[in-house]
């Protein structure tokens, strides 16, 4: 998942990080881990589909405040009615499988303490399958300092590092298959997918195959790159939801719609987006991302909680 300021930040050399606090266990026994599931080691408690619903927000590796002040950040999220935090664990460029694991641990625990669910998300390249799998597994098995897990995992399926679309599709499905086998059928997985209205960078996107492997689609309906005005934004969000349902051949597929870059959106446009999410039965909705979302925008997004 990209935004303008992230592109420059990605070029900055990564500082050395402290030793990771996550584990990749052979098994996670005991009722606190949830029921046993076939297909390999458990990846924390079974994730519920409802975790992806309602009002949510995002934090990525380029945000400064949330990583420095997890407690204050998550209290502000909770005050705004946030049900779920999507927290980036790494991307294919980073040197570490888990980004800033100690701060990650504090953010996870603080969000839980403030009544929110936390879903990990990772951006694979599909150019290096072994690295992509290692970092995906690190996210779903991450354990905080006091023993807490993420409440779910979403794969950010958008990178075009691998230039051949057929290869990219094949590797995206292979990684998804491996993930599904690892977490089992009871774990609700999310697929973060490119803007369906303007599908220029990934034609022939494998919606139907991904539907068989993921429980919910998180579609990046980033109108801030394409249109302006409340009515047009309302139509854009409506069309994004309709396209995902058509492409998956499933009118009932759960869809969490992600709006445009918050700092590039007006309050009126956010109102149009939030109205569309409610009217056209999105499972949940969010703007990208938390540090750049204004108070007025949050007021409009709270329609998701009405």
C-alpha atoms as a PDB file:
ATOM      1  CA  UNK A   1       0.000   0.000   0.000  1.00  0.00           C
ATOM      2  CA  UNK A   2       1.579   3.223  -1.166  1.00  0.00           C
ATOM      3  CA  UNK A   3       1.261   6.942  -0.742  1.00  0.00           C
ATOM      4  CA  UNK A   4       3.303   9.877  -1.970  1.00  0.00           C
ATOM      5  CA  UNK A   5       5.529  10.356   1.053  1.00  0.00           C
ATOM      6  CA  UNK A   6       6.198   6.637   1.273  1.00  0.00           C
ATOM      7  CA  UNK A   7       7.963   6.538  -2.080  1.00  0.00           C
ATOM      8  CA  UNK A   8      10.789   8.778  -0.965  1.00  0.00           C
ATOM      9  CA  UNK A   9      11.009   7.225   2.463  1.00  0.00           C
ATOM     10  CA  UNK A  10      11.470   3.777   0.971  1.00  0.00           C
ATOM     11  CA  UNK A  11      14.810   4.870  -0.437  1.00  0.00           C
ATOM     12  CA  UNK A  12      16.248   5.727   2.951  1.00  0.00           C
ATOM     13  CA  UNK A  13      18.779   3.224   4.296  1.00  0.00           C
ATOM     14  CA  UNK A  14      17.331   1.060   7.052  1.00  0.00           C
ATOM     15  CA  UNK A  15      18.822   1.414  10.515  1.00  0.00           C
ATOM     16  CA  UNK A  16      19.894  -1.717  12.365  1.00  0.00           C
ATOM     17  CA  UNK A  17      17.011  -3.016  14.475  1.00  0.00           C
ATOM     18  CA  UNK A  18      17.003  -4.783  17.846  1.00  0.00           C
ATOM     19  CA  UNK A  19      16.674  -8.529  18.038  1.00  0.00           C
ATOM     20  CA  UNK A  20      13.244  -9.772  16.993  1.00  0.00           C
ATOM     21  CA  UNK A  21      10.725 -10.629  19.679  1.00  0.00           C
ATOM     22  CA  UNK A  22       8.586 -12.847  17.466  1.00  0.00           C
ATOM     23  CA  UNK A  23       8.738 -16.637  17.327  1.00  0.00           C
ATOM     24  CA  UNK A  24       7.900 -19.223  14.687  1.00  0.00           C
ATOM     25  CA  UNK A  25       6.859 -22.121  16.904  1.00  0.00           C
ATOM     26  CA  UNK A  26       6.435 -25.801  16.120  1.00  0.00           C
ATOM     27  CA  UNK A  27       3.119 -25.652  17.927  1.00  0.00           C
ATOM     28  CA  UNK A  28       1.127 -23.321  20.122  1.00  0.00           C
ATOM     29  CA  UNK A  29      -0.770 -25.593  22.516  1.00  0.00           C
ATOM     30  CA  UNK A  30      -3.365 -24.597  25.057  1.00  0.00           C
ATOM     31  CA  UNK A  31      -6.807 -22.970  25.005  1.00  0.00           C
ATOM     32  CA  UNK A  32      -5.336 -19.440  24.956  1.00  0.00           C
ATOM     33  CA  UNK A  33      -4.154 -20.164  21.413  1.00  0.00           C
ATOM     34  CA  UNK A  34      -7.566 -21.272  20.136  1.00  0.00           C
ATOM     35  CA  UNK A  35      -8.611 -24.706  18.850  1.00  0.00           C
ATOM     36  CA  UNK A  36      -6.113 -26.856  16.991  1.00  0.00           C
ATOM     37  CA  UNK A  37      -6.284 -26.590  13.203  1.00  0.00           C
ATOM     38  CA  UNK A  38      -4.976 -28.904  10.502  1.00  0.00           C
ATOM     39  CA  UNK A  39      -2.193 -28.074   8.104  1.00  0.00           C
ATOM     40  CA  UNK A  40       0.697 -27.041  10.315  1.00  0.00           C
ATOM     41  CA  UNK A  41       1.603 -24.934  13.358  1.00  0.00           C
ATOM     42  CA  UNK A  42      -1.039 -22.597  14.675  1.00  0.00           C
ATOM     43  CA  UNK A  43      -0.807 -18.916  13.918  1.00  0.00           C
ATOM     44  CA  UNK A  44      -2.377 -17.496  17.021  1.00  0.00           C
ATOM     45  CA  UNK A  45      -6.112 -17.679  17.780  1.00  0.00           C
ATOM     46  CA  UNK A  46      -8.586 -18.265  14.975  1.00  0.00           C
ATOM     47  CA  UNK A  47      -9.325 -14.924  13.298  1.00  0.00           C
ATOM     48  CA  UNK A  48     -12.950 -13.806  12.959  1.00  0.00           C
ATOM     49  CA  UNK A  49     -14.358 -12.269   9.779  1.00  0.00           C
ATOM     50  CA  UNK A  50     -16.002  -9.522  11.843  1.00  0.00           C
ATOM     51  CA  UNK A  51     -12.556  -8.225  12.754  1.00  0.00           C
ATOM     52  CA  UNK A  52     -12.422  -6.688   9.264  1.00  0.00           C
ATOM     53  CA  UNK A  53     -15.764  -4.924   9.714  1.00  0.00           C
ATOM     54  CA  UNK A  54     -16.829  -1.467  10.815  1.00  0.00           C
ATOM     55  CA  UNK A  55     -14.562   1.549  11.135  1.00  0.00           C
ATOM     56  CA  UNK A  56     -10.831   0.884  10.839  1.00  0.00           C
ATOM     57  CA  UNK A  57      -7.559   2.724  10.380  1.00  0.00           C
ATOM     58  CA  UNK A  58      -4.020   2.040   9.135  1.00  0.00           C
ATOM     59  CA  UNK A  59      -0.446   2.493  10.325  1.00  0.00           C
ATOM     60  CA  UNK A  60       2.528   1.818   8.067  1.00  0.00           C
ATOM     61  CA  UNK A  61       6.280   1.807   8.548  1.00  0.00           C
ATOM     62  CA  UNK A  62       6.645   5.410   7.366  1.00  0.00           C
ATOM     63  CA  UNK A  63       4.510   6.843  10.174  1.00  0.00           C
ATOM     64  CA  UNK A  64       6.569   8.275  13.015  1.00  0.00           C
ATOM     65  CA  UNK A  65       4.138   9.162  15.789  1.00  0.00           C
ATOM     66  CA  UNK A  66       2.457   5.781  16.268  1.00  0.00           C
ATOM     67  CA  UNK A  67       5.757   3.948  16.633  1.00  0.00           C
ATOM     68  CA  UNK A  68       7.087   6.479  19.143  1.00  0.00           C
ATOM     69  CA  UNK A  69       3.880   6.882  21.154  1.00  0.00           C
ATOM     70  CA  UNK A  70       1.787   3.688  20.924  1.00  0.00           C
ATOM     71  CA  UNK A  71      -0.300   4.462  23.991  1.00  0.00           C
ATOM     72  CA  UNK A  72      -1.296   7.975  22.993  1.00  0.00           C
ATOM     73  CA  UNK A  73      -1.895   6.933  19.388  1.00  0.00           C
ATOM     74  CA  UNK A  74      -4.174   4.020  20.203  1.00  0.00           C
ATOM     75  CA  UNK A  75      -6.139   6.065  22.753  1.00  0.00           C
ATOM     76  CA  UNK A  76      -6.840   8.621  20.029  1.00  0.00           C
ATOM     77  CA  UNK A  77      -7.931   5.844  17.683  1.00  0.00           C
ATOM     78  CA  UNK A  78     -10.305   4.442  20.294  1.00  0.00           C
ATOM     79  CA  UNK A  79     -11.752   7.886  21.019  1.00  0.00           C
ATOM     80  CA  UNK A  80     -12.647   8.165  17.331  1.00  0.00           C
ATOM     81  CA  UNK A  81     -14.561   4.895  17.361  1.00  0.00           C
ATOM     82  CA  UNK A  82     -11.965   2.707  15.656  1.00  0.00           C
ATOM     83  CA  UNK A  83     -12.748  -1.002  15.814  1.00  0.00           C
ATOM     84  CA  UNK A  84      -9.643  -2.331  14.041  1.00  0.00           C
ATOM     85  CA  UNK A  85      -6.080  -1.216  13.420  1.00  0.00           C
ATOM     86  CA  UNK A  86      -4.265  -2.528  10.348  1.00  0.00           C
ATOM     87  CA  UNK A  87      -0.574  -2.540  11.262  1.00  0.00           C
ATOM     88  CA  UNK A  88       2.220  -3.096   8.727  1.00  0.00           C
ATOM     89  CA  UNK A  89       4.764  -5.684   9.840  1.00  0.00           C
ATOM     90  CA  UNK A  90       7.264  -5.337   6.961  1.00  0.00           C
ATOM     91  CA  UNK A  91       7.638  -5.085   3.199  1.00  0.00           C
ATOM     92  CA  UNK A  92       9.869  -6.752   0.631  1.00  0.00           C
ATOM     93  CA  UNK A  93      12.438  -3.913   0.750  1.00  0.00           C
ATOM     94  CA  UNK A  94      13.225  -4.037   4.454  1.00  0.00           C
ATOM     95  CA  UNK A  95      16.149  -5.903   5.989  1.00  0.00           C
ATOM     96  CA  UNK A  96      14.054  -7.404   8.775  1.00  0.00           C
ATOM     97  CA  UNK A  97      11.136  -9.816   8.680  1.00  0.00           C
ATOM     98  CA  UNK A  98       9.427  -7.775  11.400  1.00  0.00           C
ATOM     99  CA  UNK A  99       9.822  -4.001  11.419  1.00  0.00           C
ATOM    100  CA  UNK A 100      10.824  -2.579  14.818  1.00  0.00           C
ATOM    101  CA  UNK A 101       9.595  -5.631  16.758  1.00  0.00           C
ATOM    102  CA  UNK A 102       9.706  -3.973  20.197  1.00  0.00           C
ATOM    103  CA  UNK A 103       7.631  -1.024  19.015  1.00  0.00           C
ATOM    104  CA  UNK A 104       5.392  -3.486  17.156  1.00  0.00           C
ATOM    105  CA  UNK A 105       4.830  -5.305  20.417  1.00  0.00           C
ATOM    106  CA  UNK A 106       3.913  -2.079  22.225  1.00  0.00           C
ATOM    107  CA  UNK A 107       1.491  -1.004  19.476  1.00  0.00           C
ATOM    108  CA  UNK A 108      -0.244  -4.380  19.462  1.00  0.00           C
ATOM    109  CA  UNK A 109      -0.615  -4.428  23.232  1.00  0.00           C
ATOM    110  CA  UNK A 110      -1.733  -0.785  23.455  1.00  0.00           C
ATOM    111  CA  UNK A 111      -4.379  -1.268  20.769  1.00  0.00           C
ATOM    112  CA  UNK A 112      -5.737  -4.329  22.546  1.00  0.00           C
ATOM    113  CA  UNK A 113      -5.745  -2.429  25.846  1.00  0.00           C
ATOM    114  CA  UNK A 114      -7.874   0.236  24.172  1.00  0.00           C
ATOM    115  CA  UNK A 115     -10.436  -2.298  22.968  1.00  0.00           C
ATOM    116  CA  UNK A 116      -9.346  -2.640  19.333  1.00  0.00           C
ATOM    117  CA  UNK A 117      -8.506  -5.610  17.169  1.00  0.00           C
ATOM    118  CA  UNK A 118      -5.184  -5.526  15.288  1.00  0.00           C
ATOM    119  CA  UNK A 119      -4.606  -7.081  11.866  1.00  0.00           C
ATOM    120  CA  UNK A 120      -1.075  -7.464  10.524  1.00  0.00           C
ATOM    121  CA  UNK A 121      -0.357  -6.715   6.871  1.00  0.00           C
ATOM    122  CA  UNK A 122       2.665  -7.367   4.692  1.00  0.00           C
ATOM    123  CA  UNK A 123       3.626  -6.247   1.161  1.00  0.00           C
ATOM    124  CA  UNK A 124       5.329  -9.082  -0.805  1.00  0.00           C
ATOM    125  CA  UNK A 125       7.241  -8.511  -4.040  1.00  0.00           C
ATOM    126  CA  UNK A 126       6.536 -11.874  -5.734  1.00  0.00           C
ATOM    127  CA  UNK A 127      10.087 -11.610  -7.072  1.00  0.00           C
ATOM    128  CA  UNK A 128      11.575 -13.439  -4.049  1.00  0.00           C
ATOM    129  CA  UNK A 129       9.126 -16.172  -2.956  1.00  0.00           C
ATOM    130  CA  UNK A 130      11.211 -17.492  -0.068  1.00  0.00           C
ATOM    131  CA  UNK A 131      11.559 -14.046   1.480  1.00  0.00           C
ATOM    132  CA  UNK A 132       7.861 -13.352   0.984  1.00  0.00           C
ATOM    133  CA  UNK A 133       6.882 -16.566   2.742  1.00  0.00           C
ATOM    134  CA  UNK A 134       9.322 -16.059   5.611  1.00  0.00           C
ATOM    135  CA  UNK A 135       7.979 -12.572   6.300  1.00  0.00           C
ATOM    136  CA  UNK A 136       4.362 -13.652   5.946  1.00  0.00           C
ATOM    137  CA  UNK A 137       4.905 -16.440   8.474  1.00  0.00           C
ATOM    138  CA  UNK A 138       6.722 -14.059  10.805  1.00  0.00           C
ATOM    139  CA  UNK A 139       3.664 -11.799  10.833  1.00  0.00           C
ATOM    140  CA  UNK A 140       1.055 -14.465  11.561  1.00  0.00           C
ATOM    141  CA  UNK A 141       3.183 -15.983  14.326  1.00  0.00           C
ATOM    142  CA  UNK A 142       4.317 -12.739  15.949  1.00  0.00           C
ATOM    143  CA  UNK A 143       3.970 -12.768  19.734  1.00  0.00           C
ATOM    144  CA  UNK A 144       4.169  -9.564  21.769  1.00  0.00           C
ATOM    145  CA  UNK A 145       6.202  -9.150  24.925  1.00  0.00           C
ATOM    146  CA  UNK A 146       3.304 -10.252  27.119  1.00  0.00           C
ATOM    147  CA  UNK A 147       2.125 -13.044  24.827  1.00  0.00           C
ATOM    148  CA  UNK A 148      -0.432 -11.375  22.556  1.00  0.00           C
ATOM    149  CA  UNK A 149      -1.051 -12.254  18.894  1.00  0.00           C
ATOM    150  CA  UNK A 150      -2.421 -10.318  15.970  1.00  0.00           C
ATOM    151  CA  UNK A 151      -6.148 -10.832  15.444  1.00  0.00           C
ATOM    152  CA  UNK A 152      -5.761 -11.516  11.734  1.00  0.00           C
ATOM    153  CA  UNK A 153      -3.568 -11.087   8.684  1.00  0.00           C
ATOM    154  CA  UNK A 154      -4.046  -9.316   5.347  1.00  0.00           C
ATOM    155  CA  UNK A 155      -1.803  -9.810   2.317  1.00  0.00           C
ATOM    156  CA  UNK A 156      -1.082  -6.609   0.392  1.00  0.00           C
ATOM    157  CA  UNK A 157      -1.297  -7.906  -3.187  1.00  0.00           C
ATOM    158  CA  UNK A 158      -0.188  -5.005  -5.374  1.00  0.00           C
ATOM    159  CA  UNK A 159       3.585  -4.954  -6.003  1.00  0.00           C
ATOM    160  CA  UNK A 160       4.689  -5.101  -9.639  1.00  0.00           C
ATOM    161  CA  UNK A 161       8.370  -5.901  -9.027  1.00  0.00           C
ATOM    162  CA  UNK A 162       7.949  -9.118 -10.997  1.00  0.00           C
ATOM    163  CA  UNK A 163       7.268  -7.752 -14.514  1.00  0.00           C
ATOM    164  CA  UNK A 164       5.616 -10.842 -15.991  1.00  0.00           C
ATOM    165  CA  UNK A 165       1.962 -10.841 -15.021  1.00  0.00           C
ATOM    166  CA  UNK A 166       1.551 -14.593 -15.477  1.00  0.00           C
ATOM    167  CA  UNK A 167       4.467 -15.239 -13.109  1.00  0.00           C
ATOM    168  CA  UNK A 168       3.175 -12.657 -10.658  1.00  0.00           C
ATOM    169  CA  UNK A 169      -0.281 -14.255 -10.633  1.00  0.00           C
ATOM    170  CA  UNK A 170       1.140 -17.731 -10.176  1.00  0.00           C
ATOM    171  CA  UNK A 171       3.341 -16.666  -7.272  1.00  0.00           C
ATOM    172  CA  UNK A 172       0.554 -14.687  -5.622  1.00  0.00           C
ATOM    173  CA  UNK A 173      -1.642 -17.778  -5.669  1.00  0.00           C
ATOM    174  CA  UNK A 174       1.186 -20.045  -4.494  1.00  0.00           C
ATOM    175  CA  UNK A 175       1.966 -17.785  -1.528  1.00  0.00           C
ATOM    176  CA  UNK A 176      -1.729 -17.567  -0.693  1.00  0.00           C
ATOM    177  CA  UNK A 177      -2.085 -21.349  -0.827  1.00  0.00           C
ATOM    178  CA  UNK A 178       0.874 -21.809   1.475  1.00  0.00           C
ATOM    179  CA  UNK A 179      -0.515 -19.260   3.905  1.00  0.00           C
ATOM    180  CA  UNK A 180      -3.957 -20.851   3.936  1.00  0.00           C
ATOM    181  CA  UNK A 181      -2.509 -24.297   4.619  1.00  0.00           C
ATOM    182  CA  UNK A 182      -0.437 -22.863   7.439  1.00  0.00           C
ATOM    183  CA  UNK A 183      -3.198 -20.989   9.290  1.00  0.00           C
ATOM    184  CA  UNK A 184      -6.044 -23.416   8.579  1.00  0.00           C
ATOM    185  CA  UNK A 185      -9.603 -22.887   7.430  1.00  0.00           C
ATOM    186  CA  UNK A 186     -10.832 -21.146  10.607  1.00  0.00           C
ATOM    187  CA  UNK A 187      -8.474 -18.186  10.270  1.00  0.00           C
ATOM    188  CA  UNK A 188     -10.065 -15.246   8.402  1.00  0.00           C
ATOM    189  CA  UNK A 189      -7.552 -13.934   5.860  1.00  0.00           C
ATOM    190  CA  UNK A 190      -7.790 -10.606   4.055  1.00  0.00           C
ATOM    191  CA  UNK A 191      -6.594  -9.773   0.542  1.00  0.00           C
ATOM    192  CA  UNK A 192      -5.619  -6.118   0.060  1.00  0.00           C
ATOM    193  CA  UNK A 193      -6.144  -5.539  -3.653  1.00  0.00           C
ATOM    194  CA  UNK A 194      -5.400  -2.731  -6.131  1.00  0.00           C
ATOM    195  CA  UNK A 195      -7.921  -0.107  -7.137  1.00  0.00           C
ATOM    196  CA  UNK A 196     -10.462  -2.057  -9.223  1.00  0.00           C
ATOM    197  CA  UNK A 197     -11.783   1.044 -10.992  1.00  0.00           C
ATOM    198  CA  UNK A 198      -8.448   1.788 -12.688  1.00  0.00           C
ATOM    199  CA  UNK A 199      -6.699  -1.579 -12.914  1.00  0.00           C
ATOM    200  CA  UNK A 200      -3.734  -0.384 -15.007  1.00  0.00           C
ATOM    201  CA  UNK A 201      -0.776  -1.879 -13.202  1.00  0.00           C
ATOM    202  CA  UNK A 202      -2.065  -5.431 -12.780  1.00  0.00           C
ATOM    203  CA  UNK A 203      -4.372  -6.459 -15.640  1.00  0.00           C
ATOM    204  CA  UNK A 204      -5.864  -9.946 -15.409  1.00  0.00           C
ATOM    205  CA  UNK A 205      -5.843  -9.673 -11.629  1.00  0.00           C
ATOM    206  CA  UNK A 206      -6.821 -13.131 -10.264  1.00  0.00           C
ATOM    207  CA  UNK A 207      -9.943 -12.161  -8.330  1.00  0.00           C
ATOM    208  CA  UNK A 208     -11.720 -15.519  -8.613  1.00  0.00           C
ATOM    209  CA  UNK A 209      -8.692 -17.553  -7.560  1.00  0.00           C
ATOM    210  CA  UNK A 210      -8.014 -15.236  -4.637  1.00  0.00           C
ATOM    211  CA  UNK A 211     -11.647 -15.477  -3.542  1.00  0.00           C
ATOM    212  CA  UNK A 212     -11.132 -19.207  -3.020  1.00  0.00           C
ATOM    213  CA  UNK A 213      -8.223 -18.489  -0.676  1.00  0.00           C
ATOM    214  CA  UNK A 214      -9.238 -15.313   1.196  1.00  0.00           C
ATOM    215  CA  UNK A 215     -12.292 -14.526   3.298  1.00  0.00           C
ATOM    216  CA  UNK A 216     -12.476 -10.774   2.716  1.00  0.00           C
ATOM    217  CA  UNK A 217     -11.235  -8.319   0.097  1.00  0.00           C
ATOM    218  CA  UNK A 218      -9.826  -4.952   1.171  1.00  0.00           C
ATOM    219  CA  UNK A 219     -10.052  -2.942  -2.027  1.00  0.00           C
ATOM    220  CA  UNK A 220      -7.991   0.224  -2.434  1.00  0.00           C
ATOM    221  CA  UNK A 221     -10.592   2.558  -3.923  1.00  0.00           C
ATOM    222  CA  UNK A 222      -8.189   5.490  -3.941  1.00  0.00           C
ATOM    223  CA  UNK A 223     -10.332   8.203  -5.434  1.00  0.00           C
ATOM    224  CA  UNK A 224      -7.837  10.911  -4.459  1.00  0.00           C
ATOM    225  CA  UNK A 225      -5.743   9.904  -7.479  1.00  0.00           C
ATOM    226  CA  UNK A 226      -8.712   9.914  -9.879  1.00  0.00           C
ATOM    227  CA  UNK A 227     -11.607  12.239  -9.087  1.00  0.00           C
ATOM    228  CA  UNK A 228     -12.868  15.079  -6.915  1.00  0.00           C
ATOM    229  CA  UNK A 229     -16.151  16.109  -5.338  1.00  0.00           C
ATOM    230  CA  UNK A 230     -18.568  14.404  -2.967  1.00  0.00           C
ATOM    231  CA  UNK A 231     -20.889  12.945  -5.619  1.00  0.00           C
ATOM    232  CA  UNK A 232     -18.083  11.615  -7.779  1.00  0.00           C
ATOM    233  CA  UNK A 233     -16.378  10.043  -4.779  1.00  0.00           C
ATOM    234  CA  UNK A 234     -19.661   8.429  -3.767  1.00  0.00           C
ATOM    235  CA  UNK A 235     -19.951   6.888  -7.251  1.00  0.00           C
ATOM    236  CA  UNK A 236     -16.286   5.838  -7.213  1.00  0.00           C
ATOM    237  CA  UNK A 237     -16.696   3.888  -3.968  1.00  0.00           C
ATOM    238  CA  UNK A 238     -19.952   2.368  -5.236  1.00  0.00           C
ATOM    239  CA  UNK A 239     -18.262   1.242  -8.454  1.00  0.00           C
ATOM    240  CA  UNK A 240     -15.260  -0.211  -6.605  1.00  0.00           C
ATOM    241  CA  UNK A 241     -17.537  -2.394  -4.482  1.00  0.00           C
ATOM    242  CA  UNK A 242     -19.548  -3.484  -7.511  1.00  0.00           C
ATOM    243  CA  UNK A 243     -16.458  -4.391  -9.533  1.00  0.00           C
ATOM    244  CA  UNK A 244     -14.967  -6.575  -6.788  1.00  0.00           C
ATOM    245  CA  UNK A 245     -18.272  -8.407  -6.439  1.00  0.00           C
ATOM    246  CA  UNK A 246     -18.489  -8.895 -10.197  1.00  0.00           C
ATOM    247  CA  UNK A 247     -14.852  -9.955 -10.639  1.00  0.00           C
ATOM    248  CA  UNK A 248     -15.075 -12.520  -7.849  1.00  0.00           C
ATOM    249  CA  UNK A 249     -18.436 -13.705  -9.206  1.00  0.00           C
ATOM    250  CA  UNK A 250     -19.764 -13.427  -5.675  1.00  0.00           C
ATOM    251  CA  UNK A 251     -22.334 -10.779  -4.810  1.00  0.00           C
ATOM    252  CA  UNK A 252     -21.948 -11.625  -1.129  1.00  0.00           C
ATOM    253  CA  UNK A 253     -18.151 -11.471  -0.921  1.00  0.00           C
ATOM    254  CA  UNK A 254     -17.190  -9.437   2.173  1.00  0.00           C
ATOM    255  CA  UNK A 255     -15.473  -6.211   1.090  1.00  0.00           C
ATOM    256  CA  UNK A 256     -13.722  -3.650   3.269  1.00  0.00           C
ATOM    257  CA  UNK A 257     -13.328  -0.530   1.147  1.00  0.00           C
ATOM    258  CA  UNK A 258     -10.242   1.637   1.675  1.00  0.00           C
ATOM    259  CA  UNK A 259     -10.632   5.261   0.642  1.00  0.00           C
ATOM    260  CA  UNK A 260      -8.106   7.682  -0.728  1.00  0.00           C
ATOM    261  CA  UNK A 261      -5.093   9.297   0.882  1.00  0.00           C
ATOM    262  CA  UNK A 262      -6.645  11.237   3.750  1.00  0.00           C
ATOM    263  CA  UNK A 263      -4.451  14.323   3.427  1.00  0.00           C
ATOM    264  CA  UNK A 264      -5.579  14.723  -0.201  1.00  0.00           C
ATOM    265  CA  UNK A 265      -9.302  14.396   0.558  1.00  0.00           C
ATOM    266  CA  UNK A 266     -11.843  17.002   1.589  1.00  0.00           C
ATOM    267  CA  UNK A 267     -14.325  16.438   4.402  1.00  0.00           C
ATOM    268  CA  UNK A 268     -17.155  16.502   1.865  1.00  0.00           C
ATOM    269  CA  UNK A 269     -15.445  13.799  -0.212  1.00  0.00           C
ATOM    270  CA  UNK A 270     -15.011  11.649   2.876  1.00  0.00           C
ATOM    271  CA  UNK A 271     -18.718  12.111   3.576  1.00  0.00           C
ATOM    272  CA  UNK A 272     -19.516  10.815   0.093  1.00  0.00           C
ATOM    273  CA  UNK A 273     -17.178   7.870   0.578  1.00  0.00           C
ATOM    274  CA  UNK A 274     -18.591   6.932   3.991  1.00  0.00           C
ATOM    275  CA  UNK A 275     -22.174   7.216   2.715  1.00  0.00           C
ATOM    276  CA  UNK A 276     -21.372   4.867  -0.151  1.00  0.00           C
ATOM    277  CA  UNK A 277     -19.717   2.339   2.155  1.00  0.00           C
ATOM    278  CA  UNK A 278     -22.868   2.203   4.291  1.00  0.00           C
ATOM    279  CA  UNK A 279     -25.379   2.341   1.419  1.00  0.00           C
ATOM    280  CA  UNK A 280     -23.728  -0.389  -0.642  1.00  0.00           C
ATOM    281  CA  UNK A 281     -23.111  -2.761   2.245  1.00  0.00           C
ATOM    282  CA  UNK A 282     -19.350  -2.697   2.672  1.00  0.00           C
ATOM    283  CA  UNK A 283     -18.238  -4.934   5.513  1.00  0.00           C
ATOM    284  CA  UNK A 284     -16.036  -2.088   6.757  1.00  0.00           C
ATOM    285  CA  UNK A 285     -14.273   1.058   5.606  1.00  0.00           C
ATOM    286  CA  UNK A 286     -11.167   3.118   6.317  1.00  0.00           C
ATOM    287  CA  UNK A 287      -8.997   5.968   5.067  1.00  0.00           C
ATOM    288  CA  UNK A 288      -5.247   5.779   4.511  1.00  0.00           C
ATOM    289  CA  UNK A 289      -3.891   6.424   7.048  1.00  0.00           C
ATOM    290  CA  UNK A 290      -4.260   7.405  10.708  1.00  0.00           C
ATOM    291  CA  UNK A 291      -1.705  10.220  11.243  1.00  0.00           C
ATOM    292  CA  UNK A 292      -3.030  12.230   8.276  1.00  0.00           C
ATOM    293  CA  UNK A 293      -6.773  11.836   8.936  1.00  0.00           C
ATOM    294  CA  UNK A 294      -8.389  15.034  10.257  1.00  0.00           C
ATOM    295  CA  UNK A 295     -10.997  15.405  12.977  1.00  0.00           C
ATOM    296  CA  UNK A 296     -13.618  16.404  10.415  1.00  0.00           C
ATOM    297  CA  UNK A 297     -12.886  13.340   8.321  1.00  0.00           C
ATOM    298  CA  UNK A 298     -13.188  11.097  11.354  1.00  0.00           C
ATOM    299  CA  UNK A 299     -16.588  12.623  12.104  1.00  0.00           C
ATOM    300  CA  UNK A 300     -17.807  11.548   8.670  1.00  0.00           C
ATOM    301  CA  UNK A 301     -16.246   8.085   8.907  1.00  0.00           C
ATOM    302  CA  UNK A 302     -18.097   7.456  12.158  1.00  0.00           C
ATOM    303  CA  UNK A 303     -21.175   6.802  10.003  1.00  0.00           C
ATOM    304  CA  UNK A 304     -19.794   3.267   9.883  1.00  0.00           C
ATOM    305  CA  UNK A 305     -20.613   2.918  13.582  1.00  0.00           C
ATOM    306  CA  UNK A 306     -24.201   4.209  13.366  1.00  0.00           C
END
